[in-house]
Amino acid sequence: WLSLASNPQTYDNTNVVASTRRKSGEPGLVVNPTALLKKVQEELGPMPPPERPTALAVWGAGLLNPLPALGVAPEVRGAVLE
């Protein structure tokens, strides 16, 4: 997932996120995947080791669906918090 999230082509189809933001009155979406991932990773800190599976799962969910939300994986946060 890190390589997918790091690949700029992943963000080529931003229609879903952009249309969701437009409907809620938020500004347009401009994504710089390198800057986005760097900021999110700095905020999350280092990846927990596999010996701490819960921490690793929460860290992974935070990477996939950071705050502020991007609107691309809203189901992840709720599933992890349950």
PDB file of N, CA and C in Angstrom:
ATOM      1  N   TRP A   1       0.818  -1.188   0.000  1.00  0.00           N
ATOM      2  CA  TRP A   1       0.000   0.000   0.000  1.00  0.00           C
ATOM      3  C   TRP A   1       0.859   1.248   0.000  1.00  0.00           C
ATOM      4  N   LEU A   2       2.057   1.161   0.584  1.00  0.00           N
ATOM      5  CA  LEU A   2       2.929   2.322   0.585  1.00  0.00           C
ATOM      6  C   LEU A   2       3.365   2.666  -0.833  1.00  0.00           C
ATOM      7  N   SER A   3       3.713   1.643  -1.625  1.00  0.00           N
ATOM      8  CA  SER A   3       4.112   1.921  -3.007  1.00  0.00           C
ATOM      9  C   SER A   3       2.925   2.450  -3.808  1.00  0.00           C
ATOM     10  N   LEU A   4       1.732   1.936  -3.548  1.00  0.00           N
ATOM     11  CA  LEU A   4       0.535   2.439  -4.236  1.00  0.00           C
ATOM     12  C   LEU A   4       0.272   3.891  -3.855  1.00  0.00           C
ATOM     13  N   ALA A   5       0.354   4.181  -2.577  1.00  0.00           N
ATOM     14  CA  ALA A   5       0.110   5.547  -2.115  1.00  0.00           C
ATOM     15  C   ALA A   5       1.209   6.500  -2.579  1.00  0.00           C
ATOM     16  N   SER A   6       2.416   5.976  -2.784  1.00  0.00           N
ATOM     17  CA  SER A   6       3.539   6.806  -3.224  1.00  0.00           C
ATOM     18  C   SER A   6       3.545   7.049  -4.724  1.00  0.00           C
ATOM     19  N   ASN A   7       2.780   6.285  -5.454  1.00  0.00           N
ATOM     20  CA  ASN A   7       2.761   6.390  -6.913  1.00  0.00           C
ATOM     21  C   ASN A   7       1.849   7.552  -7.328  1.00  0.00           C
ATOM     22  N   PRO A   8       2.399   8.571  -7.996  1.00  0.00           N
ATOM     23  CA  PRO A   8       1.564   9.708  -8.404  1.00  0.00           C
ATOM     24  C   PRO A   8       0.393   9.316  -9.300  1.00  0.00           C
ATOM     25  N   GLN A   9       0.493   8.220 -10.030  1.00  0.00           N
ATOM     26  CA  GLN A   9      -0.609   7.799 -10.900  1.00  0.00           C
ATOM     27  C   GLN A   9      -1.826   7.362 -10.099  1.00  0.00           C
ATOM     28  N   THR A  10      -1.635   6.980  -8.842  1.00  0.00           N
ATOM     29  CA  THR A  10      -2.755   6.612  -7.982  1.00  0.00           C
ATOM     30  C   THR A  10      -3.741   7.768  -7.870  1.00  0.00           C
ATOM     31  N   TYR A  11      -3.227   8.986  -7.928  1.00  0.00           N
ATOM     32  CA  TYR A  11      -4.054  10.169  -7.714  1.00  0.00           C
ATOM     33  C   TYR A  11      -4.573  10.783  -9.014  1.00  0.00           C
ATOM     34  N   ASP A  12      -4.331  10.098 -10.142  1.00  0.00           N
ATOM     35  CA  ASP A  12      -4.800  10.622 -11.412  1.00  0.00           C
ATOM     36  C   ASP A  12      -6.321  10.735 -11.465  1.00  0.00           C
ATOM     37  N   ASN A  13      -7.021   9.779 -10.875  1.00  0.00           N
ATOM     38  CA  ASN A  13      -8.481   9.805 -10.877  1.00  0.00           C
ATOM     39  C   ASN A  13      -8.958  10.338  -9.535  1.00  0.00           C
ATOM     40  N   THR A  14      -9.038  11.637  -9.438  1.00  0.00           N
ATOM     41  CA  THR A  14      -9.479  12.263  -8.193  1.00  0.00           C
ATOM     42  C   THR A  14     -10.938  12.682  -8.257  1.00  0.00           C
ATOM     43  N   ASN A  15     -11.664  12.193  -9.252  1.00  0.00           N
ATOM     44  CA  ASN A  15     -13.053  12.606  -9.427  1.00  0.00           C
ATOM     45  C   ASN A  15     -13.913  12.323  -8.211  1.00  0.00           C
ATOM     46  N   VAL A  16     -13.729  11.165  -7.602  1.00  0.00           N
ATOM     47  CA  VAL A  16     -14.572  10.807  -6.458  1.00  0.00           C
ATOM     48  C   VAL A  16     -14.337  11.772  -5.309  1.00  0.00           C
ATOM     49  N   VAL A  17     -13.089  11.993  -4.966  1.00  0.00           N
ATOM     50  CA  VAL A  17     -12.773  12.889  -3.858  1.00  0.00           C
ATOM     51  C   VAL A  17     -13.147  14.323  -4.199  1.00  0.00           C
ATOM     52  N   ALA A  18     -12.797  14.760  -5.406  1.00  0.00           N
ATOM     53  CA  ALA A  18     -13.083  16.137  -5.798  1.00  0.00           C
ATOM     54  C   ALA A  18     -14.584  16.397  -5.825  1.00  0.00           C
ATOM     55  N   SER A  19     -15.368  15.454  -6.335  1.00  0.00           N
ATOM     56  CA  SER A  19     -16.813  15.680  -6.386  1.00  0.00           C
ATOM     57  C   SER A  19     -17.421  15.675  -4.992  1.00  0.00           C
ATOM     58  N   THR A  20     -16.900  14.852  -4.101  1.00  0.00           N
ATOM     59  CA  THR A  20     -17.382  14.839  -2.722  1.00  0.00           C
ATOM     60  C   THR A  20     -17.081  16.165  -2.049  1.00  0.00           C
ATOM     61  N   ARG A  21     -15.872  16.666  -2.247  1.00  0.00           N
ATOM     62  CA  ARG A  21     -15.509  17.956  -1.650  1.00  0.00           C
ATOM     63  C   ARG A  21     -16.341  19.090  -2.245  1.00  0.00           C
ATOM     64  N   ARG A  22     -16.578  19.044  -3.543  1.00  0.00           N
ATOM     65  CA  ARG A  22     -17.362  20.090  -4.193  1.00  0.00           C
ATOM     66  C   ARG A  22     -18.773  20.122  -3.624  1.00  0.00           C
ATOM     67  N   LYS A  23     -19.370  18.945  -3.418  1.00  0.00           N
ATOM     68  CA  LYS A  23     -20.736  18.868  -2.882  1.00  0.00           C
ATOM     69  C   LYS A  23     -20.813  19.461  -1.485  1.00  0.00           C
ATOM     70  N   SER A  24     -19.743  19.297  -0.697  1.00  0.00           N
ATOM     71  CA  SER A  24     -19.770  19.811   0.673  1.00  0.00           C
ATOM     72  C   SER A  24     -19.236  21.236   0.762  1.00  0.00           C
ATOM     73  N   GLY A  25     -18.936  21.861  -0.397  1.00  0.00           N
ATOM     74  CA  GLY A  25     -18.492  23.248  -0.414  1.00  0.00           C
ATOM     75  C   GLY A  25     -17.023  23.437  -0.099  1.00  0.00           C
ATOM     76  N   GLU A  26     -16.255  22.355  -0.056  1.00  0.00           N
ATOM     77  CA  GLU A  26     -14.822  22.480   0.216  1.00  0.00           C
ATOM     78  C   GLU A  26     -14.091  22.858  -1.062  1.00  0.00           C
ATOM     79  N   PRO A  27     -12.886  23.404  -0.910  1.00  0.00           N
ATOM     80  CA  PRO A  27     -12.130  23.802  -2.101  1.00  0.00           C
ATOM     81  C   PRO A  27     -11.725  22.608  -2.949  1.00  0.00           C
ATOM     82  N   GLY A  28     -11.309  22.881  -4.165  1.00  0.00           N
ATOM     83  CA  GLY A  28     -10.869  21.835  -5.075  1.00  0.00           C
ATOM     84  C   GLY A  28      -9.705  21.031  -4.501  1.00  0.00           C
ATOM     85  N   LEU A  29      -9.449  19.903  -5.116  1.00  0.00           N
ATOM     86  CA  LEU A  29      -8.428  18.995  -4.619  1.00  0.00           C
ATOM     87  C   LEU A  29      -7.191  19.070  -5.491  1.00  0.00           C
ATOM     88  N   VAL A  30      -6.073  19.354  -4.863  1.00  0.00           N
ATOM     89  CA  VAL A  30      -4.776  19.302  -5.520  1.00  0.00           C
ATOM     90  C   VAL A  30      -3.908  18.400  -4.660  1.00  0.00           C
ATOM     91  N   VAL A  31      -3.390  17.332  -5.250  1.00  0.00           N
ATOM     92  CA  VAL A  31      -2.654  16.347  -4.476  1.00  0.00           C
ATOM     93  C   VAL A  31      -1.197  16.300  -4.926  1.00  0.00           C
ATOM     94  N   ASN A  32      -0.307  16.473  -3.976  1.00  0.00           N
ATOM     95  CA  ASN A  32       1.109  16.221  -4.198  1.00  0.00           C
ATOM     96  C   ASN A  32       1.412  15.001  -3.354  1.00  0.00           C
ATOM     97  N   PRO A  33       1.413  13.797  -3.945  1.00  0.00           N
ATOM     98  CA  PRO A  33       1.533  12.573  -3.155  1.00  0.00           C
ATOM     99  C   PRO A  33       2.801  12.503  -2.322  1.00  0.00           C
ATOM    100  N   THR A  34       3.889  13.015  -2.825  1.00  0.00           N
ATOM    101  CA  THR A  34       5.145  12.966  -2.074  1.00  0.00           C
ATOM    102  C   THR A  34       5.039  13.805  -0.806  1.00  0.00           C
ATOM    103  N   ALA A  35       4.560  15.030  -0.935  1.00  0.00           N
ATOM    104  CA  ALA A  35       4.415  15.913   0.222  1.00  0.00           C
ATOM    105  C   ALA A  35       3.374  15.375   1.193  1.00  0.00           C
ATOM    106  N   LEU A  36       2.280  14.858   0.655  1.00  0.00           N
ATOM    107  CA  LEU A  36       1.216  14.314   1.500  1.00  0.00           C
ATOM    108  C   LEU A  36       1.726  13.154   2.349  1.00  0.00           C
ATOM    109  N   LEU A  37       2.377  12.189   1.712  1.00  0.00           N
ATOM    110  CA  LEU A  37       2.872  11.035   2.461  1.00  0.00           C
ATOM    111  C   LEU A  37       3.961  11.415   3.459  1.00  0.00           C
ATOM    112  N   LYS A  38       4.805  12.359   3.088  1.00  0.00           N
ATOM    113  CA  LYS A  38       5.853  12.798   4.008  1.00  0.00           C
ATOM    114  C   LYS A  38       5.235  13.401   5.270  1.00  0.00           C
ATOM    115  N   LYS A  39       4.232  14.260   5.080  1.00  0.00           N
ATOM    116  CA  LYS A  39       3.573  14.897   6.227  1.00  0.00           C
ATOM    117  C   LYS A  39       2.865  13.858   7.102  1.00  0.00           C
ATOM    118  N   VAL A  40       2.126  12.966   6.464  1.00  0.00           N
ATOM    119  CA  VAL A  40       1.394  11.944   7.218  1.00  0.00           C
ATOM    120  C   VAL A  40       2.370  11.051   7.979  1.00  0.00           C
ATOM    121  N   GLN A  41       3.449  10.618   7.330  1.00  0.00           N
ATOM    122  CA  GLN A  41       4.420   9.750   7.988  1.00  0.00           C
ATOM    123  C   GLN A  41       5.117  10.465   9.141  1.00  0.00           C
ATOM    124  N   GLU A  42       5.396  11.759   8.985  1.00  0.00           N
ATOM    125  CA  GLU A  42       5.993  12.520  10.084  1.00  0.00           C
ATOM    126  C   GLU A  42       5.051  12.571  11.278  1.00  0.00           C
ATOM    127  N   GLU A  43       3.767  12.766  11.008  1.00  0.00           N
ATOM    128  CA  GLU A  43       2.789  12.842  12.091  1.00  0.00           C
ATOM    129  C   GLU A  43       2.556  11.480  12.750  1.00  0.00           C
ATOM    130  N   LEU A  44       2.605  10.405  11.962  1.00  0.00           N
ATOM    131  CA  LEU A  44       2.370   9.069  12.509  1.00  0.00           C
ATOM    132  C   LEU A  44       3.571   8.527  13.269  1.00  0.00           C
ATOM    133  N   GLY A  45       4.740   8.963  12.871  1.00  0.00           N
ATOM    134  CA  GLY A  45       5.952   8.431  13.486  1.00  0.00           C
ATOM    135  C   GLY A  45       6.342   7.113  12.829  1.00  0.00           C
ATOM    136  N   PRO A  46       7.335   6.447  13.401  1.00  0.00           N
ATOM    137  CA  PRO A  46       7.819   5.207  12.787  1.00  0.00           C
ATOM    138  C   PRO A  46       6.779   4.085  12.838  1.00  0.00           C
ATOM    139  N   MET A  47       6.860   3.207  11.844  1.00  0.00           N
ATOM    140  CA  MET A  47       5.942   2.065  11.783  1.00  0.00           C
ATOM    141  C   MET A  47       6.232   1.110  12.947  1.00  0.00           C
ATOM    142  N   PRO A  48       5.199   0.748  13.695  1.00  0.00           N
ATOM    143  CA  PRO A  48       5.388  -0.204  14.782  1.00  0.00           C
ATOM    144  C   PRO A  48       5.803  -1.581  14.239  1.00  0.00           C
ATOM    145  N   PRO A  49       6.516  -2.344  15.045  1.00  0.00           N
ATOM    146  CA  PRO A  49       6.944  -3.676  14.591  1.00  0.00           C
ATOM    147  C   PRO A  49       5.759  -4.646  14.559  1.00  0.00           C
ATOM    148  N   PRO A  50       5.885  -5.728  13.783  1.00  0.00           N
ATOM    149  CA  PRO A  50       4.821  -6.734  13.709  1.00  0.00           C
ATOM    150  C   PRO A  50       4.494  -7.365  15.060  1.00  0.00           C
ATOM    151  N   GLU A  51       5.414  -7.293  15.995  1.00  0.00           N
ATOM    152  CA  GLU A  51       5.157  -7.831  17.332  1.00  0.00           C
ATOM    153  C   GLU A  51       4.108  -7.021  18.091  1.00  0.00           C
ATOM    154  N   ARG A  52       3.747  -5.860  17.570  1.00  0.00           N
ATOM    155  CA  ARG A  52       2.690  -5.021  18.154  1.00  0.00           C
ATOM    156  C   ARG A  52       1.575  -4.861  17.115  1.00  0.00           C
ATOM    157  N   PRO A  53       0.802  -5.941  16.872  1.00  0.00           N
ATOM    158  CA  PRO A  53      -0.164  -5.936  15.767  1.00  0.00           C
ATOM    159  C   PRO A  53      -1.236  -4.863  15.858  1.00  0.00           C
ATOM    160  N   THR A  54      -1.714  -4.553  17.045  1.00  0.00           N
ATOM    161  CA  THR A  54      -2.752  -3.532  17.164  1.00  0.00           C
ATOM    162  C   THR A  54      -2.197  -2.162  16.796  1.00  0.00           C
ATOM    163  N   ALA A  55      -1.024  -1.848  17.316  1.00  0.00           N
ATOM    164  CA  ALA A  55      -0.392  -0.568  16.990  1.00  0.00           C
ATOM    165  C   ALA A  55      -0.096  -0.479  15.497  1.00  0.00           C
ATOM    166  N   LEU A  56       0.339  -1.583  14.907  1.00  0.00           N
ATOM    167  CA  LEU A  56       0.632  -1.614  13.476  1.00  0.00           C
ATOM    168  C   LEU A  56      -0.641  -1.404  12.659  1.00  0.00           C
ATOM    169  N   ALA A  57      -1.738  -2.013  13.080  1.00  0.00           N
ATOM    170  CA  ALA A  57      -3.017  -1.852  12.372  1.00  0.00           C
ATOM    171  C   ALA A  57      -3.504  -0.412  12.444  1.00  0.00           C
ATOM    172  N   VAL A  58      -3.409   0.200  13.611  1.00  0.00           N
ATOM    173  CA  VAL A  58      -3.854   1.590  13.763  1.00  0.00           C
ATOM    174  C   VAL A  58      -2.947   2.519  12.961  1.00  0.00           C
ATOM    175  N   TRP A  59      -1.645   2.254  12.967  1.00  0.00           N
ATOM    176  CA  TRP A  59      -0.695   3.052  12.189  1.00  0.00           C
ATOM    177  C   TRP A  59      -1.024   2.943  10.697  1.00  0.00           C
ATOM    178  N   GLY A  60      -1.275   1.729  10.224  1.00  0.00           N
ATOM    179  CA  GLY A  60      -1.617   1.526   8.815  1.00  0.00           C
ATOM    180  C   GLY A  60      -2.906   2.227   8.436  1.00  0.00           C
ATOM    181  N   ALA A  61      -3.898   2.174   9.327  1.00  0.00           N
ATOM    182  CA  ALA A  61      -5.165   2.863   9.060  1.00  0.00           C
ATOM    183  C   ALA A  61      -4.947   4.368   8.999  1.00  0.00           C
ATOM    184  N   GLY A  62      -4.081   4.876   9.864  1.00  0.00           N
ATOM    185  CA  GLY A  62      -3.774   6.304   9.843  1.00  0.00           C
ATOM    186  C   GLY A  62      -3.078   6.717   8.563  1.00  0.00           C
ATOM    187  N   LEU A  63      -2.263   5.849   8.025  1.00  0.00           N
ATOM    188  CA  LEU A  63      -1.581   6.147   6.771  1.00  0.00           C
ATOM    189  C   LEU A  63      -2.559   6.114   5.603  1.00  0.00           C
ATOM    190  N   LEU A  64      -3.486   5.153   5.632  1.00  0.00           N
ATOM    191  CA  LEU A  64      -4.470   5.034   4.546  1.00  0.00           C
ATOM    192  C   LEU A  64      -5.545   6.105   4.602  1.00  0.00           C
ATOM    193  N   ASN A  65      -5.900   6.522   5.806  1.00  0.00           N
ATOM    194  CA  ASN A  65      -6.978   7.490   5.971  1.00  0.00           C
ATOM    195  C   ASN A  65      -6.584   8.509   7.040  1.00  0.00           C
ATOM    196  N   PRO A  66      -5.694   9.446   6.673  1.00  0.00           N
ATOM    197  CA  PRO A  66      -5.212  10.414   7.663  1.00  0.00           C
ATOM    198  C   PRO A  66      -6.254  11.483   7.975  1.00  0.00           C
ATOM    199  N   LEU A  67      -5.979  12.229   9.021  1.00  0.00           N
ATOM    200  CA  LEU A  67      -6.770  13.415   9.337  1.00  0.00           C
ATOM    201  C   LEU A  67      -5.919  14.631   9.015  1.00  0.00           C
ATOM    202  N   PRO A  68      -6.448  15.628   8.348  1.00  0.00           N
ATOM    203  CA  PRO A  68      -7.814  15.706   7.866  1.00  0.00           C
ATOM    204  C   PRO A  68      -8.073  14.670   6.779  1.00  0.00           C
ATOM    205  N   ALA A  69      -9.283  14.208   6.767  1.00  0.00           N
ATOM    206  CA  ALA A  69      -9.662  13.131   5.858  1.00  0.00           C
ATOM    207  C   ALA A  69      -9.545  13.546   4.400  1.00  0.00           C
ATOM    208  N   LEU A  70      -9.082  12.614   3.586  1.00  0.00           N
ATOM    209  CA  LEU A  70      -9.009  12.839   2.148  1.00  0.00           C
ATOM    210  C   LEU A  70     -10.277  12.374   1.455  1.00  0.00           C
ATOM    211  N   GLY A  71     -11.081  11.584   2.140  1.00  0.00           N
ATOM    212  CA  GLY A  71     -12.320  11.097   1.559  1.00  0.00           C
ATOM    213  C   GLY A  71     -12.141   9.913   0.637  1.00  0.00           C
ATOM    214  N   VAL A  72     -10.999   9.249   0.707  1.00  0.00           N
ATOM    215  CA  VAL A  72     -10.758   8.145  -0.216  1.00  0.00           C
ATOM    216  C   VAL A  72     -10.910   6.768   0.436  1.00  0.00           C
ATOM    217  N   ALA A  73     -10.895   6.680   1.740  1.00  0.00           N
ATOM    218  CA  ALA A  73     -11.045   5.389   2.418  1.00  0.00           C
ATOM    219  C   ALA A  73     -11.769   5.583   3.748  1.00  0.00           C
ATOM    220  N   PRO A  74     -12.977   6.157   3.723  1.00  0.00           N
ATOM    221  CA  PRO A  74     -13.658   6.449   4.986  1.00  0.00           C
ATOM    222  C   PRO A  74     -14.006   5.211   5.799  1.00  0.00           C
ATOM    223  N   GLU A  75     -14.139   4.068   5.144  1.00  0.00           N
ATOM    224  CA  GLU A  75     -14.510   2.851   5.880  1.00  0.00           C
ATOM    225  C   GLU A  75     -13.384   2.330   6.754  1.00  0.00           C
ATOM    226  N   VAL A  76     -12.157   2.710   6.483  1.00  0.00           N
ATOM    227  CA  VAL A  76     -11.003   2.192   7.231  1.00  0.00           C
ATOM    228  C   VAL A  76     -11.018   2.667   8.664  1.00  0.00           C
ATOM    229  N   ARG A  77     -11.216   3.958   8.886  1.00  0.00           N
ATOM    230  CA  ARG A  77     -11.132   4.522  10.231  1.00  0.00           C
ATOM    231  C   ARG A  77     -12.173   3.879  11.144  1.00  0.00           C
ATOM    232  N   GLY A  78     -13.404   3.799  10.685  1.00  0.00           N
ATOM    233  CA  GLY A  78     -14.467   3.215  11.519  1.00  0.00           C
ATOM    234  C   GLY A  78     -14.206   1.762  11.858  1.00  0.00           C
ATOM    235  N   ALA A  79     -13.736   1.003  10.882  1.00  0.00           N
ATOM    236  CA  ALA A  79     -13.465  -0.413  11.115  1.00  0.00           C
ATOM    237  C   ALA A  79     -12.357  -0.604  12.143  1.00  0.00           C
ATOM    238  N   VAL A  80     -11.336   0.228  12.094  1.00  0.00           N
ATOM    239  CA  VAL A  80     -10.226   0.098  13.044  1.00  0.00           C
ATOM    240  C   VAL A  80     -10.661   0.527  14.436  1.00  0.00           C
ATOM    241  N   LEU A  81     -11.472   1.552  14.517  1.00  0.00           N
ATOM    242  CA  LEU A  81     -11.883   2.052  15.829  1.00  0.00           C
ATOM    243  C   LEU A  81     -12.894   1.138  16.524  1.00  0.00           C
ATOM    244  N   GLU A  82     -13.547   0.268  15.752  1.00  0.00           N
ATOM    245  CA  GLU A  82     -14.480  -0.679  16.378  1.00  0.00           C
ATOM    246  C   GLU A  82     -13.685  -1.656  17.136  1.00  0.00           C
TER     247      GLU A  82
END
